[in-house]
Amino acid sequence: MSPDRPSPSEAGPKFAVVLVALVALGFGVAVTWGLWADLAGRVVALNLPDSIHYSWWLGHTPHTLGRGGNPFQTADLNWPEGVSAMNNTTLLLPAVLLTPVSWLAGSLASLNVLNVLAVPGCAAAGYWALRQVPWDEGRIGRPAALIGGVTFAISPAVVNSLAGHITMAFAPAMPALVMLSVAAWSGERSRRTGLALGLLAAAQVFTGEEVLFQSVLGATVILLIAAASRPRAVPAAARRLGRSLAFAFAVFLPIVAYPVYLQFFGPLREKGSPFLLDYYGADVTAFTTPTDRLLVHSAAQATAAMHFPGGIEEHLAYLGWPLLITCLLTAGLGRRRLPVRIAAVGMFTAMLLSLGGRIWVNGDWTTASGPYRLLEKLPVTEASLATRFGLLAALFAAALLAFAVHSLMVTGQRQGRPGPATLLAAGLALVCLVPLLPTRLPVADAPAVPAYFRTTARELPKDSVLMVLPYPVATNPVAMRWQSVAHYRFRMPGGYFLGPASDGHAYVGGSADPPTAGLLEQVAASGQPAVVTAQAQAQAVRDLTAWGADQVVLGPDPARAALQETVSNLLGRQPQMVGGVAVWNLSRGN
């Protein structure tokens, strides 16, 4: 039977297809429901710093392009050293596509649009990819493909990533990239497939390189298993793959050459990981221990999950016993089918890599080495986190569930019993999906923006330099939100970003902050004014002069009184109160 012909399961009830599609959309709406009342003024409450980081870049990219600037590097943050956009998760392409939203409603609204679209987008892409999978009867049926797409989309790997890691949650390109890679190996339309693969890979470079890296790994596993399973087909398949990749790279390389060159060889290039080596790995028990972000969990399970490394945005491994058992049974019973064998090996490989370079068990960081240790020192890999392979594992697990549902429906139709088979397939899907049902994301109002940044700051001389307090750092980057609302009118020391230190190693926040910034960070953390010495006053003058600062601006903060007293003592004068902030005007060189 031709792969282009529908499989027998296509004859299933059409309402089931519509129902599952609506369910997928419903999950996306339900999970993000709290954002809908005010897309421009609410954030996911679980990870405010990352939300500020992403919304800053979503607004900054169109701002820079509108001025004819370089979107791949900026000195508006971390002045005067600057920041490399390519070494940060900056959503360059979505920022361009969402420019009208950012201009009309602000960059936070653009971030929330991506949050809303993530689950439905992953479901749609997963459905499309599974529909391309060849099967004996033609293709995977629509109901099975939709169930697989929904499984991927509502997995904790996607939904938990909405807690600040939108580049991982908004991952519709992953199933599409993997399937296009398969088409490059098995199909005949080399030019069309290659062009699509090259364009999508380039688009993903400017959306999130970590998803592209995992997609390449997933495609590599697929091709290796296919080659080992059907060695006689390798020569012809390799020729098809070579032609497709030639077209892909002809499109891909001209688009990404310059920004990737800047990333790896530019003045702000960095090496290594800014995070503690081997810390971010999935706990062995995380695959079967639900967090409190799932509807079905016990208090004991939620407590156990709290001991897993990282915050909820890194707890991506959970699949649940029903889905895991279904995957194992499908792998065993369907091992002679190449798609099943590939998905099983892919899931197992991704799960192993997600454990990291040093194994966690029940919240304890053991000394046992994990397989990821073999890869963690390689370029690109060294900057990724092992826990995030949960996304690739979820994709392959969703595929195995789709294969199981499809097989049940096809078997029932062959035996002339489609009704009972459909009910059995629906029951299996329900049993596997219920443990994955997410709770609604908690939301909060975005930090308030003082009137100064909506009015006076927008009228400052172009490229003014402001030291904004509280000094922007990874744990409290609220000044970045104020800067974006001010339309990036001024440049600012500090920020939440990844950058190189003097030795070129990557750190959150780049090089160490100047002494004056460090002193004010301590005041903000303690809430107590610093004892200001003549030496500290002289250091403040040196630091502010090195920055060429025009103003010191203090906005709302729990430690505002302590910060205001300390800065006033450092500068020897009191501030002016303007639009809800304290402003110390400085003259160059003072």
Protein backbone atom coordinates (compact mmCIF):
# COMPACT_ATOMS: atom_id res chain seq x y z
CA MET A 1 0.00 0.00 0.00
CA SER A 2 1.36 3.44 -0.89
CA PRO A 3 2.51 5.61 2.02
CA ASP A 4 0.36 8.41 0.58
CA ARG A 5 -2.81 6.38 1.02
CA PRO A 6 -4.70 6.67 4.29
CA SER A 7 -4.49 3.81 6.72
CA PRO A 8 -7.56 1.81 7.73
CA SER A 9 -7.71 3.79 10.96
CA GLU A 10 -8.54 6.89 8.91
CA ALA A 11 -12.07 5.57 8.73
CA GLY A 12 -12.48 6.28 12.44
CA PRO A 13 -15.11 8.76 13.58
CA LYS A 14 -14.33 12.29 12.45
CA PHE A 15 -15.67 13.76 15.66
CA ALA A 16 -12.81 12.06 17.52
CA VAL A 17 -10.27 14.00 15.47
CA VAL A 18 -12.07 17.28 16.10
CA LEU A 19 -12.45 16.44 19.78
CA VAL A 20 -8.75 15.71 20.30
CA ALA A 21 -7.78 18.87 18.39
CA LEU A 22 -10.07 20.93 20.61
CA VAL A 23 -8.65 19.24 23.66
CA ALA A 24 -5.12 20.20 22.58
CA LEU A 25 -6.15 23.80 22.12
CA GLY A 26 -8.08 23.67 25.37
CA PHE A 27 -5.01 22.55 27.29
CA GLY A 28 -3.05 25.50 25.95
CA VAL A 29 -5.78 27.92 26.95
CA ALA A 30 -6.39 26.31 30.33
CA VAL A 31 -2.75 26.11 31.39
CA THR A 32 -2.17 29.79 30.65
CA TRP A 33 -5.65 31.02 31.60
CA GLY A 34 -4.37 33.35 34.30
CA LEU A 35 -2.43 35.37 31.73
CA TRP A 36 -5.38 36.09 29.48
CA ALA A 37 -6.92 38.82 31.59
CA ASP A 38 -3.85 41.03 31.05
CA LEU A 39 -1.26 39.74 28.60
CA ALA A 40 0.68 42.99 28.92
CA GLY A 41 0.73 43.09 32.71
CA ARG A 42 0.99 39.55 34.06
CA VAL A 43 3.81 37.04 34.32
CA VAL A 44 4.13 33.38 35.18
CA ALA A 45 4.79 33.60 38.91
CA LEU A 46 7.24 30.71 39.23
CA ASN A 47 10.30 32.36 37.69
CA LEU A 48 10.11 36.15 37.49
CA PRO A 49 13.79 36.84 36.61
CA ASP A 50 13.67 34.71 33.46
CA SER A 51 10.39 36.31 32.40
CA ILE A 52 12.02 39.73 32.68
CA HIS A 53 15.07 38.47 30.78
CA TYR A 54 13.03 37.14 27.85
CA SER A 55 10.66 40.09 27.66
CA TRP A 56 13.65 42.45 27.62
CA TRP A 57 15.10 40.75 24.55
CA LEU A 58 11.72 40.49 22.81
CA GLY A 59 11.50 44.27 22.94
CA HIS A 60 15.17 45.04 22.40
CA THR A 61 15.59 43.19 19.10
CA PRO A 62 13.00 45.21 17.15
CA HIS A 63 14.26 48.37 18.89
CA THR A 64 17.81 47.69 17.66
CA LEU A 65 16.73 46.77 14.15
CA GLY A 66 14.60 49.90 13.97
CA ARG A 67 17.71 51.96 14.70
CA GLY A 68 19.78 50.05 12.13
CA GLY A 69 21.87 48.43 14.86
CA ASN A 70 23.42 44.99 15.25
CA PRO A 71 20.86 42.66 16.87
CA PHE A 72 23.54 40.11 17.78
CA GLN A 73 25.45 42.32 20.24
CA THR A 74 24.38 45.20 22.47
CA ALA A 75 25.89 47.62 24.95
CA ASP A 76 22.50 48.71 26.28
CA LEU A 77 22.97 46.09 29.00
CA ASN A 78 26.17 45.43 30.96
CA TRP A 79 27.52 48.78 29.83
CA PRO A 80 30.21 49.29 28.64
CA GLU A 81 31.31 45.69 27.94
CA GLY A 82 27.97 44.70 26.44
CA VAL A 83 26.24 41.38 25.90
CA SER A 84 26.23 38.84 23.07
CA ALA A 85 22.69 37.99 22.03
CA MET A 86 23.88 34.71 20.52
CA ASN A 87 25.28 33.53 23.85
CA ASN A 88 21.96 34.24 25.55
CA THR A 89 18.49 32.79 24.97
CA THR A 90 17.21 35.88 23.23
CA LEU A 91 14.36 34.73 20.93
CA LEU A 92 15.66 36.81 18.03
CA LEU A 93 13.27 35.44 15.40
CA PRO A 94 10.11 35.50 17.58
CA ALA A 95 11.07 39.03 18.58
CA VAL A 96 11.01 40.11 14.94
CA LEU A 97 7.76 38.28 14.17
CA LEU A 98 6.07 39.73 17.26
CA THR A 99 7.26 43.29 16.67
CA PRO A 100 3.70 44.62 16.19
CA VAL A 101 2.67 43.11 19.52
CA SER A 102 5.66 44.61 21.30
CA TRP A 103 5.04 48.04 19.79
CA LEU A 104 1.33 48.03 20.55
CA ALA A 105 1.23 46.30 23.94
CA GLY A 106 4.81 45.91 25.16
CA SER A 107 7.34 43.11 25.06
CA LEU A 108 5.78 41.34 28.05
CA ALA A 109 2.67 40.82 25.92
CA SER A 110 4.89 39.23 23.25
CA LEU A 111 6.31 36.83 25.82
CA ASN A 112 2.82 35.88 26.95
CA VAL A 113 1.71 35.29 23.36
CA LEU A 114 4.51 32.71 23.12
CA ASN A 115 3.44 31.24 26.46
CA VAL A 116 -0.11 30.85 25.19
CA LEU A 117 0.94 29.34 21.85
CA ALA A 118 3.53 26.89 23.22
CA VAL A 119 1.23 23.96 24.10
CA PRO A 120 -1.03 24.16 21.01
CA GLY A 121 2.02 24.71 18.81
CA CYS A 122 3.80 21.63 20.14
CA ALA A 123 0.59 19.59 19.77
CA ALA A 124 0.12 20.67 16.16
CA ALA A 125 3.76 20.01 15.24
CA GLY A 126 3.73 16.64 16.99
CA TYR A 127 0.57 15.70 15.11
CA TRP A 128 2.08 16.70 11.76
CA ALA A 129 5.31 14.82 12.41
CA LEU A 130 3.53 11.62 13.48
CA ARG A 131 1.30 11.77 10.42
CA GLN A 132 4.43 11.43 8.29
CA VAL A 133 5.56 8.21 9.96
CA PRO A 134 5.32 5.31 7.48
CA TRP A 135 3.42 2.22 8.62
CA ASP A 136 2.49 -1.02 6.93
CA GLU A 137 -0.96 0.29 6.12
CA GLY A 138 0.28 3.66 4.89
CA ARG A 139 0.59 6.30 7.60
CA ILE A 140 -0.17 6.75 11.26
CA GLY A 141 -3.88 7.55 11.59
CA ARG A 142 -5.15 10.96 12.57
CA PRO A 143 -6.54 10.00 16.00
CA ALA A 144 -3.29 8.29 17.01
CA ALA A 145 -1.19 11.18 15.72
CA LEU A 146 -3.32 13.70 17.61
CA ILE A 147 -3.02 11.72 20.82
CA GLY A 148 0.75 11.61 20.37
CA GLY A 149 0.88 15.33 19.67
CA VAL A 150 -1.18 16.14 22.75
CA THR A 151 0.97 13.84 24.90
CA PHE A 152 4.10 15.70 23.85
CA ALA A 153 2.49 19.10 24.29
CA ILE A 154 1.14 18.61 27.82
CA SER A 155 4.16 16.74 29.12
CA PRO A 156 5.99 18.39 32.02
CA ALA A 157 8.92 18.83 29.65
CA VAL A 158 6.85 21.46 27.82
CA VAL A 159 4.50 22.79 30.50
CA ASN A 160 7.08 23.11 33.30
CA SER A 161 9.35 24.96 30.89
CA LEU A 162 6.68 27.66 30.71
CA ALA A 163 7.93 28.66 34.16
CA GLY A 164 10.44 31.06 32.63
CA HIS A 165 12.08 28.90 29.97
CA ILE A 166 10.01 29.75 26.93
CA THR A 167 12.78 28.71 24.53
CA MET A 168 12.30 25.14 25.74
CA ALA A 169 8.51 25.25 25.98
CA PHE A 170 7.96 26.81 22.57
CA ALA A 171 9.39 23.81 20.73
CA PRO A 172 7.16 23.00 17.72
CA ALA A 173 10.31 22.93 15.60
CA MET A 174 11.63 19.83 17.38
CA PRO A 175 9.20 17.23 15.96
CA ALA A 176 9.28 19.01 12.59
CA LEU A 177 13.09 19.02 12.43
CA VAL A 178 13.28 15.37 13.41
CA MET A 179 10.73 14.33 10.80
CA LEU A 180 12.34 16.41 8.06
CA SER A 181 15.62 14.67 8.85
CA VAL A 182 13.89 11.33 8.40
CA ALA A 183 12.42 12.54 5.10
CA ALA A 184 15.91 13.56 3.96
CA TRP A 185 17.00 9.95 4.46
CA SER A 186 13.96 8.12 3.16
CA GLY A 187 12.28 10.46 0.66
CA GLU A 188 12.91 11.38 -2.94
CA ARG A 189 12.20 15.13 -2.83
CA SER A 190 15.75 16.08 -1.87
CA ARG A 191 15.57 19.73 -2.89
CA ARG A 192 12.23 20.45 -1.23
CA THR A 193 13.14 18.58 1.94
CA GLY A 194 16.60 20.12 2.12
CA LEU A 195 15.32 23.65 1.69
CA ALA A 196 12.68 23.15 4.39
CA LEU A 197 15.22 21.57 6.73
CA GLY A 198 17.75 24.36 6.22
CA LEU A 199 15.22 27.13 6.73
CA LEU A 200 13.71 25.55 9.84
CA ALA A 201 17.12 24.84 11.37
CA ALA A 202 18.18 28.45 10.75
CA ALA A 203 14.93 29.67 12.29
CA GLN A 204 15.60 27.54 15.37
CA VAL A 205 19.11 28.99 15.75
CA PHE A 206 17.41 32.36 16.29
CA THR A 207 14.75 30.87 18.58
CA GLY A 208 16.69 28.51 20.83
CA GLU A 209 19.84 26.56 19.98
CA GLU A 210 19.28 23.99 22.71
CA VAL A 211 16.15 22.68 20.96
CA LEU A 212 18.08 22.52 17.67
CA PHE A 213 20.88 20.60 19.37
CA GLN A 214 18.43 18.05 20.79
CA SER A 215 16.68 17.76 17.43
CA VAL A 216 19.97 16.97 15.73
CA LEU A 217 20.74 14.36 18.36
CA GLY A 218 17.28 12.81 17.95
CA ALA A 219 17.64 12.73 14.16
CA THR A 220 21.10 11.17 14.49
CA VAL A 221 19.75 8.38 16.69
CA ILE A 222 16.98 7.73 14.17
CA LEU A 223 19.35 7.53 11.22
CA LEU A 224 21.81 5.29 13.05
CA ILE A 225 19.11 2.82 14.06
CA ALA A 226 17.62 2.89 10.56
CA ALA A 227 21.03 2.21 9.03
CA ALA A 228 21.77 -0.63 11.45
CA SER A 229 18.33 -2.16 10.86
CA ARG A 230 18.38 -1.97 7.07
CA PRO A 231 22.03 -2.00 5.97
CA ARG A 232 21.18 -2.83 2.35
CA ALA A 233 19.23 0.40 2.05
CA VAL A 234 22.12 2.52 3.33
CA PRO A 235 23.87 3.36 0.02
CA ALA A 236 20.74 4.72 -1.67
CA ALA A 237 19.53 6.38 1.53
CA ALA A 238 22.94 7.98 2.09
CA ARG A 239 22.85 9.48 -1.39
CA ARG A 240 19.39 10.93 -0.73
CA LEU A 241 20.56 12.26 2.63
CA GLY A 242 23.66 13.81 1.07
CA ARG A 243 21.60 15.63 -1.58
CA SER A 244 19.10 16.89 0.98
CA LEU A 245 21.80 18.07 3.37
CA ALA A 246 23.60 19.85 0.55
CA PHE A 247 20.47 21.89 -0.13
CA ALA A 248 19.91 22.36 3.61
CA PHE A 249 23.39 23.74 4.24
CA ALA A 250 23.18 25.93 1.14
CA VAL A 251 20.28 27.67 2.84
CA PHE A 252 21.40 27.36 6.45
CA LEU A 253 25.01 28.53 6.33
CA PRO A 254 24.57 31.94 4.65
CA ILE A 255 21.86 32.83 7.18
CA VAL A 256 23.67 31.81 10.35
CA ALA A 257 27.35 32.23 9.41
CA TYR A 258 27.87 35.75 10.77
CA PRO A 259 25.92 35.44 14.06
CA VAL A 260 27.44 32.02 14.79
CA TYR A 261 30.89 33.43 14.04
CA LEU A 262 30.23 36.16 16.60
CA GLN A 263 29.04 33.57 19.09
CA PHE A 264 32.15 31.40 18.93
CA PHE A 265 34.87 33.81 17.76
CA GLY A 266 33.58 37.32 18.47
CA PRO A 267 34.82 39.68 21.21
CA LEU A 268 32.22 38.40 23.70
CA ARG A 269 32.76 34.70 23.03
CA GLU A 270 32.68 32.46 26.06
CA LYS A 271 33.52 28.90 26.99
CA GLY A 272 32.25 26.39 29.50
CA SER A 273 29.00 26.40 31.43
CA PRO A 274 28.00 29.15 33.86
CA PHE A 275 26.35 26.52 36.05
CA LEU A 276 27.76 24.05 38.55
CA LEU A 277 29.11 21.10 36.60
CA ASP A 278 26.87 18.01 36.66
CA TYR A 279 24.34 19.61 39.03
CA TYR A 280 21.40 19.86 36.61
CA GLY A 281 20.49 16.24 35.97
CA ALA A 282 17.17 14.45 36.23
CA ASP A 283 16.73 12.41 39.39
CA VAL A 284 16.36 8.69 38.65
CA THR A 285 13.00 8.78 40.42
CA ALA A 286 11.80 11.89 38.57
CA PHE A 287 10.40 9.85 35.67
CA THR A 288 7.70 8.45 37.97
CA THR A 289 7.40 11.12 40.70
CA PRO A 290 4.89 13.87 39.86
CA THR A 291 5.42 17.43 41.01
CA ASP A 292 2.74 19.72 42.41
CA ARG A 293 2.33 21.19 38.91
CA LEU A 294 0.34 18.07 37.92
CA LEU A 295 -3.29 17.49 38.81
CA VAL A 296 -2.67 13.92 39.96
CA HIS A 297 -0.11 13.84 42.74
CA SER A 298 0.10 13.13 46.44
CA ALA A 299 1.56 15.37 49.10
CA ALA A 300 4.40 12.89 49.62
CA GLN A 301 5.23 12.88 45.90
CA ALA A 302 5.20 16.66 45.69
CA THR A 303 7.50 16.85 48.72
CA ALA A 304 9.88 14.32 47.18
CA ALA A 305 9.97 16.27 43.91
CA MET A 306 10.98 19.41 45.77
CA HIS A 307 14.36 17.75 46.45
CA PHE A 308 15.13 17.33 42.75
CA PRO A 309 17.87 19.64 41.44
CA GLY A 310 16.83 23.02 40.09
CA GLY A 311 13.47 24.73 40.15
CA ILE A 312 10.25 23.51 38.60
CA GLU A 313 11.44 24.75 35.20
CA GLU A 314 14.12 22.02 35.29
CA HIS A 315 11.80 19.21 36.44
CA LEU A 316 11.13 17.89 32.94
CA ALA A 317 11.60 14.13 33.25
CA TYR A 318 8.19 12.94 34.49
CA LEU A 319 6.33 10.56 32.19
CA GLY A 320 4.36 8.50 34.71
CA TRP A 321 4.08 4.76 35.20
CA PRO A 322 1.20 4.22 32.73
CA LEU A 323 3.03 5.89 29.85
CA LEU A 324 6.35 4.26 30.71
CA ILE A 325 4.76 0.80 30.88
CA THR A 326 2.91 1.42 27.62
CA CYS A 327 6.18 2.47 25.98
CA LEU A 328 7.96 -0.65 27.23
CA LEU A 329 5.16 -2.95 26.06
CA THR A 330 4.97 -1.22 22.70
CA ALA A 331 8.74 -1.48 22.30
CA GLY A 332 8.69 -5.17 23.16
CA LEU A 333 5.65 -6.22 21.13
CA GLY A 334 6.44 -4.00 18.15
CA ARG A 335 10.20 -4.34 18.09
CA ARG A 336 10.16 -5.69 14.53
CA ARG A 337 8.68 -2.44 13.27
CA LEU A 338 11.38 0.09 12.50
CA PRO A 339 9.47 3.17 13.76
CA VAL A 340 8.83 1.47 17.10
CA ARG A 341 12.43 0.35 17.45
CA ILE A 342 13.70 3.84 16.64
CA ALA A 343 11.35 5.59 19.08
CA ALA A 344 12.23 3.15 21.86
CA VAL A 345 15.98 3.62 21.43
CA GLY A 346 15.50 7.38 21.12
CA MET A 347 13.47 7.59 24.33
CA PHE A 348 15.91 5.41 26.26
CA THR A 349 18.89 7.43 25.00
CA ALA A 350 17.29 10.77 25.89
CA MET A 351 16.32 9.51 29.34
CA LEU A 352 19.87 8.33 30.02
CA LEU A 353 21.38 11.62 28.88
CA SER A 354 18.91 13.58 31.01
CA LEU A 355 20.39 11.97 34.12
CA GLY A 356 23.46 14.15 33.66
CA GLY A 357 27.11 13.52 34.39
CA ARG A 358 26.59 12.66 38.06
CA ILE A 359 23.53 10.69 39.14
CA TRP A 360 20.79 11.94 41.46
CA VAL A 361 18.71 9.35 43.35
CA ASN A 362 15.81 10.35 45.60
CA GLY A 363 17.18 13.86 45.94
CA ASP A 364 20.70 12.70 46.82
CA TRP A 365 23.60 13.69 44.59
CA THR A 366 25.62 10.51 44.33
CA THR A 367 29.18 10.08 43.06
CA ALA A 368 28.11 7.68 40.29
CA SER A 369 28.83 8.95 36.79
CA GLY A 370 26.10 9.27 34.19
CA PRO A 371 26.44 8.84 30.42
CA TYR A 372 26.18 12.58 29.83
CA ARG A 373 29.72 12.93 31.18
CA LEU A 374 30.97 11.61 27.83
CA LEU A 375 29.45 14.62 26.04
CA GLU A 376 29.50 17.52 28.50
CA LYS A 377 32.91 18.89 27.50
CA LEU A 378 32.11 19.07 23.77
CA PRO A 379 31.41 22.45 22.12
CA VAL A 380 27.74 23.47 22.35
CA THR A 381 27.03 20.52 24.67
CA GLU A 382 29.06 22.15 27.42
CA ALA A 383 26.60 25.03 27.55
CA SER A 384 23.46 22.85 27.67
CA LEU A 385 21.81 21.30 30.72
CA ALA A 386 21.21 17.56 30.94
CA THR A 387 17.76 17.87 32.51
CA ARG A 388 16.44 19.39 29.30
CA PHE A 389 16.80 16.13 27.41
CA GLY A 390 13.47 15.42 29.05
CA LEU A 391 11.97 17.27 26.08
CA LEU A 392 13.39 14.79 23.57
CA ALA A 393 12.41 11.86 25.79
CA ALA A 394 8.83 13.17 25.92
CA LEU A 395 8.70 13.41 22.12
CA PHE A 396 9.77 9.80 21.64
CA ALA A 397 7.45 8.61 24.42
CA ALA A 398 4.55 10.40 22.73
CA ALA A 399 5.45 8.65 19.48
CA LEU A 400 5.38 5.24 21.16
CA LEU A 401 1.94 5.94 22.62
CA ALA A 402 0.72 7.00 19.17
CA PHE A 403 2.06 3.75 17.69
CA ALA A 404 0.28 1.73 20.38
CA VAL A 405 -3.04 3.50 19.76
CA HIS A 406 -2.68 3.14 16.00
CA SER A 407 -1.87 -0.58 16.25
CA LEU A 408 -4.91 -1.25 18.41
CA MET A 409 -7.24 0.58 16.01
CA VAL A 410 -5.80 -1.11 12.91
CA THR A 411 -5.99 -4.56 14.52
CA GLY A 412 -9.62 -3.96 15.45
CA GLN A 413 -10.53 -2.92 11.92
CA ARG A 414 -8.80 -5.94 10.43
CA GLN A 415 -10.75 -8.19 12.74
CA GLY A 416 -14.00 -6.42 11.93
CA ARG A 417 -14.34 -5.04 15.46
CA PRO A 418 -13.52 -1.33 15.13
CA GLY A 419 -15.80 -0.23 17.96
CA PRO A 420 -14.21 -2.23 20.80
CA ALA A 421 -10.73 -1.48 19.40
CA THR A 422 -11.43 2.24 19.37
CA LEU A 423 -12.68 2.10 22.95
CA LEU A 424 -9.60 0.16 24.02
CA ALA A 425 -7.30 2.64 22.26
CA ALA A 426 -9.15 5.57 23.83
CA GLY A 427 -8.91 3.94 27.25
CA LEU A 428 -5.18 3.40 26.85
CA ALA A 429 -4.68 7.02 25.80
CA LEU A 430 -6.76 8.24 28.73
CA VAL A 431 -4.82 6.16 31.25
CA CYS A 432 -1.54 7.55 29.93
CA LEU A 433 -2.70 11.16 29.59
CA VAL A 434 -4.44 11.65 32.94
CA PRO A 435 -1.18 11.51 34.97
CA LEU A 436 0.22 14.22 32.67
CA LEU A 437 -2.64 16.68 33.10
CA PRO A 438 -1.11 19.96 34.29
CA THR A 439 -2.48 22.43 36.76
CA ARG A 440 -3.06 26.02 35.75
CA LEU A 441 0.13 28.07 35.79
CA PRO A 442 0.20 30.49 38.73
CA VAL A 443 0.48 34.09 37.58
CA ALA A 444 1.26 37.40 39.22
CA ASP A 445 1.15 41.04 38.28
CA ALA A 446 4.36 42.18 36.65
CA PRO A 447 6.55 44.50 38.75
CA ALA A 448 5.22 48.04 38.74
CA VAL A 449 6.96 50.57 36.51
CA PRO A 450 7.51 54.02 38.05
CA ALA A 451 6.15 56.94 36.04
CA TYR A 452 9.69 58.22 35.50
CA PHE A 453 10.44 55.39 33.07
CA ARG A 454 7.22 56.00 31.13
CA THR A 455 7.80 59.73 30.81
CA THR A 456 11.06 61.47 31.75
CA ALA A 457 13.36 58.58 30.86
CA ARG A 458 11.95 58.46 27.33
CA GLU A 459 13.09 62.07 26.84
CA LEU A 460 16.68 61.57 27.99
CA PRO A 461 19.45 62.35 25.50
CA LYS A 462 19.99 59.34 23.24
CA ASP A 463 22.27 56.67 24.75
CA SER A 464 22.43 58.28 28.16
CA VAL A 465 24.03 56.08 30.82
CA LEU A 466 22.07 55.41 34.01
CA MET A 467 23.07 53.40 37.03
CA VAL A 468 19.68 52.00 37.97
CA LEU A 469 18.99 50.68 41.47
CA PRO A 470 18.32 48.12 42.69
CA TYR A 471 21.38 47.17 40.67
CA PRO A 472 20.20 44.61 38.09
CA VAL A 473 21.47 41.09 38.82
CA ALA A 474 20.15 37.61 38.06
CA THR A 475 18.08 37.37 41.22
CA ASN A 476 16.53 40.84 40.84
CA PRO A 477 16.64 42.19 37.27
CA VAL A 478 13.59 44.47 37.63
CA ALA A 479 15.62 47.39 36.25
CA MET A 480 15.63 45.59 32.89
CA ARG A 481 11.83 45.82 32.83
CA TRP A 482 12.01 49.53 33.56
CA GLN A 483 14.60 50.00 30.81
CA SER A 484 12.42 48.19 28.26
CA VAL A 485 9.37 50.31 29.18
CA ALA A 486 11.56 53.40 28.69
CA HIS A 487 12.09 52.18 25.10
CA TYR A 488 15.77 51.43 25.81
CA ARG A 489 16.49 55.16 25.80
CA PHE A 490 19.45 54.72 28.14
CA ARG A 491 22.29 52.28 28.61
CA MET A 492 22.75 50.52 31.91
CA PRO A 493 25.52 48.70 33.81
CA GLY A 494 24.64 45.26 35.16
CA GLY A 495 21.84 42.96 34.10
CA TYR A 496 20.73 39.35 33.94
CA PHE A 497 22.65 37.68 31.14
CA LEU A 498 25.39 35.17 30.37
CA GLY A 499 28.79 36.65 29.61
CA PRO A 500 32.50 35.91 29.73
CA ALA A 501 34.76 36.79 32.64
CA SER A 502 38.34 37.93 32.06
CA ASP A 503 39.40 34.33 31.47
CA GLY A 504 36.68 33.81 28.86
CA HIS A 505 34.65 31.40 31.03
CA ALA A 506 30.88 31.90 30.96
CA TYR A 507 29.15 33.24 34.06
CA VAL A 508 25.70 34.54 34.88
CA GLY A 509 26.35 38.27 34.96
CA GLY A 510 29.70 38.04 33.20
CA SER A 511 32.70 39.56 34.97
CA ALA A 512 32.57 40.59 38.62
CA ASP A 513 30.68 43.83 39.26
CA PRO A 514 32.68 46.97 40.15
CA PRO A 515 33.10 47.58 43.90
CA THR A 516 30.39 50.24 44.09
CA ALA A 517 27.86 47.94 42.43
CA GLY A 518 28.87 45.14 44.80
CA LEU A 519 28.43 47.41 47.81
CA LEU A 520 24.94 48.42 46.71
CA GLU A 521 24.01 44.80 45.99
CA GLN A 522 24.89 44.00 49.62
CA VAL A 523 22.72 46.87 50.84
CA ALA A 524 19.79 45.66 48.72
CA ALA A 525 20.20 42.12 50.06
CA SER A 526 20.52 43.10 53.72
CA GLY A 527 18.16 46.08 53.79
CA GLN A 528 20.69 47.92 55.95
CA PRO A 529 22.59 51.07 54.86
CA ALA A 530 26.34 50.67 54.44
CA VAL A 531 28.92 52.48 56.51
CA VAL A 532 30.36 54.83 53.89
CA THR A 533 34.05 55.64 54.14
CA ALA A 534 36.14 58.17 52.23
CA GLN A 535 37.61 55.22 50.34
CA ALA A 536 34.12 54.06 49.31
CA GLN A 537 33.25 57.60 48.17
CA ALA A 538 36.38 57.77 46.03
CA GLN A 539 35.63 54.34 44.58
CA ALA A 540 32.10 55.43 43.69
CA VAL A 541 33.49 58.43 41.80
CA ARG A 542 35.91 56.17 39.91
CA ASP A 543 33.22 53.64 39.01
CA LEU A 544 30.65 56.22 37.92
CA THR A 545 33.31 58.03 35.88
CA ALA A 546 34.37 54.78 34.20
CA TRP A 547 30.75 54.19 33.23
CA GLY A 548 30.28 57.78 32.09
CA ALA A 549 27.09 57.75 34.15
CA ASP A 550 24.67 60.64 33.69
CA GLN A 551 22.34 59.70 36.53
CA VAL A 552 21.88 57.30 39.41
CA VAL A 553 18.20 56.35 39.57
CA LEU A 554 16.64 54.46 42.50
CA GLY A 555 13.27 52.83 41.94
CA PRO A 556 10.90 50.98 44.27
CA ASP A 557 12.49 48.22 46.33
CA PRO A 558 12.08 46.79 49.84
CA ALA A 559 15.55 48.18 50.64
CA ARG A 560 14.87 51.57 49.08
CA ALA A 561 15.45 53.60 52.25
CA ALA A 562 18.79 51.90 52.89
CA LEU A 563 19.87 52.29 49.27
CA GLN A 564 18.90 55.98 49.20
CA GLU A 565 20.84 56.72 52.38
CA THR A 566 23.91 54.84 51.11
CA VAL A 567 23.95 56.51 47.69
CA SER A 568 23.39 59.95 49.22
CA ASN A 569 26.38 59.37 51.50
CA LEU A 570 28.50 58.10 48.62
CA LEU A 571 27.72 61.13 46.47
CA GLY A 572 27.53 63.70 49.24
CA ARG A 573 24.07 65.01 48.31
CA GLN A 574 20.42 64.14 48.41
CA PRO A 575 18.44 63.08 45.32
CA GLN A 576 15.57 64.73 43.51
CA MET A 577 12.26 62.88 43.59
CA VAL A 578 10.90 62.55 40.04
CA GLY A 579 8.06 60.30 38.88
CA GLY A 580 8.30 57.82 41.75
CA VAL A 581 12.09 57.45 41.69
CA ALA A 582 15.06 59.12 43.37
CA VAL A 583 17.45 60.75 40.88
CA TRP A 584 21.01 61.90 41.44
CA ASN A 585 22.11 63.94 38.42
CA LEU A 586 25.81 63.63 37.67
CA SER A 587 28.17 65.67 35.54
CA ARG A 588 30.69 63.88 33.38
CA GLY A 589 33.85 63.13 35.23
CA ASN A 590 32.36 63.90 38.65
